[in-house]
Amino acid sequence: MAYCETCGINVRKERLRECVLNGHKIIWNYRKRGVPTERMRIKDIQKIEQMKKIAQQIAKLMPPEKLREIEEARKEIEQELEALLCKAKHGKANLEVMLNEKMEIRDANERV
């Protein structure tokens, strides 16, 4: 089954040949109960394009000041994390030094 958009009817065999020979616009794989599958695909593509446009509009609506604030907050958080990591490393190093000193004291006490 096919659909001739020029004639506006469902066409079969003989009529299909006439439409094809006359250069009419034919939609193949037409469903009997619904809309042609190709039309549905076009609608899906249009919906996707609309969604992309909406996403772009939302990005435009976000004020640049807000974007800058978000970026600054991200940088501050990264700096705080780095500071915490440094403190943790130094704390670990201090603990190791203290442990080494205690071990040395213990060794000295054991020798005596």
C-alpha atoms as a PDB file:
ATOM      1  CA  MET A   1       0.000   0.000   0.000  1.00  0.00           C
ATOM      2  CA  ALA A   2       1.221   3.470  -0.834  1.00  0.00           C
ATOM      3  CA  TYR A   3      -0.168   6.969  -0.491  1.00  0.00           C
ATOM      4  CA  CYS A   4      -0.111   9.581  -3.235  1.00  0.00           C
ATOM      5  CA  GLU A   5       0.175  13.029  -1.667  1.00  0.00           C
ATOM      6  CA  THR A   6      -0.569  14.723  -4.989  1.00  0.00           C
ATOM      7  CA  CYS A   7      -3.869  12.879  -5.456  1.00  0.00           C
ATOM      8  CA  GLY A   8      -4.551  12.565  -1.737  1.00  0.00           C
ATOM      9  CA  ILE A   9      -5.547   8.898  -1.902  1.00  0.00           C
ATOM     10  CA  ASN A  10      -4.294   5.428  -1.089  1.00  0.00           C
ATOM     11  CA  VAL A  11      -3.062   3.817  -4.295  1.00  0.00           C
ATOM     12  CA  ARG A  12      -2.458   0.245  -5.444  1.00  0.00           C
ATOM     13  CA  LYS A  13      -1.006  -1.396  -8.538  1.00  0.00           C
ATOM     14  CA  GLU A  14      -2.461   0.332 -11.661  1.00  0.00           C
ATOM     15  CA  ARG A  15      -3.161   3.662 -10.020  1.00  0.00           C
ATOM     16  CA  LEU A  16       0.295   3.563  -8.429  1.00  0.00           C
ATOM     17  CA  ARG A  17       1.905   3.152 -11.864  1.00  0.00           C
ATOM     18  CA  GLU A  18      -0.014   6.154 -13.190  1.00  0.00           C
ATOM     19  CA  CYS A  19       0.985   8.314 -10.219  1.00  0.00           C
ATOM     20  CA  VAL A  20       4.633   7.295 -10.489  1.00  0.00           C
ATOM     21  CA  LEU A  21       4.699   7.940 -14.250  1.00  0.00           C
ATOM     22  CA  ASN A  22       3.067  11.352 -13.730  1.00  0.00           C
ATOM     23  CA  GLY A  23       5.726  12.287 -11.146  1.00  0.00           C
ATOM     24  CA  HIS A  24       3.400  12.473  -8.159  1.00  0.00           C
ATOM     25  CA  LYS A  25       4.809  12.460  -4.637  1.00  0.00           C
ATOM     26  CA  ILE A  26       4.412   8.913  -3.287  1.00  0.00           C
ATOM     27  CA  ILE A  27       4.772   7.823   0.328  1.00  0.00           C
ATOM     28  CA  TRP A  28       5.739   4.170   0.491  1.00  0.00           C
ATOM     29  CA  ASN A  29       5.071   1.885   3.471  1.00  0.00           C
ATOM     30  CA  TYR A  30       1.768   3.586   4.196  1.00  0.00           C
ATOM     31  CA  ARG A  31      -0.234   2.225   7.124  1.00  0.00           C
ATOM     32  CA  LYS A  32      -3.910   1.630   6.471  1.00  0.00           C
ATOM     33  CA  ARG A  33      -5.156   2.939   9.810  1.00  0.00           C
ATOM     34  CA  GLY A  34      -2.907   5.895  10.391  1.00  0.00           C
ATOM     35  CA  VAL A  35      -0.541   8.471   9.162  1.00  0.00           C
ATOM     36  CA  PRO A  36       2.261   7.547   6.785  1.00  0.00           C
ATOM     37  CA  THR A  37       5.393   6.402   8.593  1.00  0.00           C
ATOM     38  CA  GLU A  38       7.521   9.004   6.822  1.00  0.00           C
ATOM     39  CA  ARG A  39       5.296  11.783   8.106  1.00  0.00           C
ATOM     40  CA  MET A  40       5.678  10.453  11.610  1.00  0.00           C
ATOM     41  CA  ARG A  41       9.445  10.483  11.257  1.00  0.00           C
ATOM     42  CA  ILE A  42       9.323  14.100  10.108  1.00  0.00           C
ATOM     43  CA  LYS A  43       7.256  14.992  13.179  1.00  0.00           C
ATOM     44  CA  ASP A  44       9.782  13.254  15.435  1.00  0.00           C
ATOM     45  CA  ILE A  45      12.610  15.208  13.835  1.00  0.00           C
ATOM     46  CA  GLN A  46      10.666  18.442  14.304  1.00  0.00           C
ATOM     47  CA  LYS A  47      10.112  17.646  17.994  1.00  0.00           C
ATOM     48  CA  ILE A  48      13.828  17.040  18.485  1.00  0.00           C
ATOM     49  CA  GLU A  49      14.642  20.358  16.809  1.00  0.00           C
ATOM     50  CA  GLN A  50      12.113  22.123  19.046  1.00  0.00           C
ATOM     51  CA  MET A  51      13.725  20.604  22.125  1.00  0.00           C
ATOM     52  CA  LYS A  52      17.152  21.830  20.975  1.00  0.00           C
ATOM     53  CA  LYS A  53      15.776  25.346  20.460  1.00  0.00           C
ATOM     54  CA  ILE A  54      14.196  25.326  23.914  1.00  0.00           C
ATOM     55  CA  ALA A  55      17.504  24.236  25.470  1.00  0.00           C
ATOM     56  CA  GLN A  56      19.296  27.085  23.688  1.00  0.00           C
ATOM     57  CA  GLN A  57      16.694  29.579  24.910  1.00  0.00           C
ATOM     58  CA  ILE A  58      17.097  28.366  28.487  1.00  0.00           C
ATOM     59  CA  ALA A  59      20.866  28.793  28.182  1.00  0.00           C
ATOM     60  CA  LYS A  60      20.316  32.340  26.911  1.00  0.00           C
ATOM     61  CA  LEU A  61      17.938  33.140  29.776  1.00  0.00           C
ATOM     62  CA  MET A  62      20.525  32.199  32.411  1.00  0.00           C
ATOM     63  CA  PRO A  63      22.164  35.546  33.223  1.00  0.00           C
ATOM     64  CA  PRO A  64      25.944  35.738  32.825  1.00  0.00           C
ATOM     65  CA  GLU A  65      26.258  36.972  36.427  1.00  0.00           C
ATOM     66  CA  LYS A  66      24.690  33.748  37.659  1.00  0.00           C
ATOM     67  CA  LEU A  67      27.099  31.713  35.529  1.00  0.00           C
ATOM     68  CA  ARG A  68      30.028  33.683  36.976  1.00  0.00           C
ATOM     69  CA  GLU A  69      28.757  33.094  40.516  1.00  0.00           C
ATOM     70  CA  ILE A  70      28.505  29.383  39.855  1.00  0.00           C
ATOM     71  CA  GLU A  71      32.037  29.321  38.429  1.00  0.00           C
ATOM     72  CA  GLU A  72      33.438  31.289  41.397  1.00  0.00           C
ATOM     73  CA  ALA A  73      31.699  28.995  43.877  1.00  0.00           C
ATOM     74  CA  ARG A  74      33.169  25.979  42.094  1.00  0.00           C
ATOM     75  CA  LYS A  75      36.670  27.476  42.296  1.00  0.00           C
ATOM     76  CA  GLU A  76      36.249  28.271  46.007  1.00  0.00           C
ATOM     77  CA  ILE A  77      35.129  24.726  46.714  1.00  0.00           C
ATOM     78  CA  GLU A  78      38.139  23.350  44.826  1.00  0.00           C
ATOM     79  CA  GLN A  79      40.483  25.590  46.842  1.00  0.00           C
ATOM     80  CA  GLU A  80      38.901  24.463  50.117  1.00  0.00           C
ATOM     81  CA  LEU A  81      39.306  20.837  49.089  1.00  0.00           C
ATOM     82  CA  GLU A  82      42.964  21.405  48.223  1.00  0.00           C
ATOM     83  CA  ALA A  83      43.513  23.090  51.595  1.00  0.00           C
ATOM     84  CA  LEU A  84      41.879  20.163  53.392  1.00  0.00           C
ATOM     85  CA  LEU A  85      44.044  17.721  51.458  1.00  0.00           C
ATOM     86  CA  CYS A  86      47.180  19.674  52.381  1.00  0.00           C
ATOM     87  CA  LYS A  87      46.139  19.719  56.050  1.00  0.00           C
ATOM     88  CA  ALA A  88      45.505  16.004  55.919  1.00  0.00           C
ATOM     89  CA  LYS A  89      48.907  15.377  54.341  1.00  0.00           C
ATOM     90  CA  HIS A  90      50.697  17.579  56.892  1.00  0.00           C
ATOM     91  CA  GLY A  91      48.736  16.021  59.726  1.00  0.00           C
ATOM     92  CA  LYS A  92      49.726  12.588  58.490  1.00  0.00           C
ATOM     93  CA  ALA A  93      53.353  13.712  58.230  1.00  0.00           C
ATOM     94  CA  ASN A  94      53.212  15.162  61.761  1.00  0.00           C
ATOM     95  CA  LEU A  95      51.772  11.897  63.064  1.00  0.00           C
ATOM     96  CA  GLU A  96      54.541   9.964  61.366  1.00  0.00           C
ATOM     97  CA  VAL A  97      57.170  12.252  62.911  1.00  0.00           C
ATOM     98  CA  MET A  98      55.584  11.850  66.351  1.00  0.00           C
ATOM     99  CA  LEU A  99      55.428   8.075  65.924  1.00  0.00           C
ATOM    100  CA  ASN A 100      59.072   7.976  64.864  1.00  0.00           C
ATOM    101  CA  GLU A 101      60.072  10.039  67.904  1.00  0.00           C
ATOM    102  CA  LYS A 102      58.089   7.763  70.220  1.00  0.00           C
ATOM    103  CA  MET A 103      59.649   4.712  68.609  1.00  0.00           C
ATOM    104  CA  GLU A 104      63.107   6.215  69.087  1.00  0.00           C
ATOM    105  CA  ILE A 105      62.308   6.975  72.729  1.00  0.00           C
ATOM    106  CA  ARG A 106      60.999   3.441  73.216  1.00  0.00           C
ATOM    107  CA  ASP A 107      64.098   1.993  71.570  1.00  0.00           C
ATOM    108  CA  ALA A 108      66.293   4.152  73.795  1.00  0.00           C
ATOM    109  CA  ASN A 109      64.361   3.037  76.891  1.00  0.00           C
ATOM    110  CA  GLU A 110      64.679  -0.596  75.879  1.00  0.00           C
ATOM    111  CA  ARG A 111      68.432  -0.233  75.457  1.00  0.00           C
ATOM    112  CA  VAL A 112      68.808   1.214  78.924  1.00  0.00           C
END
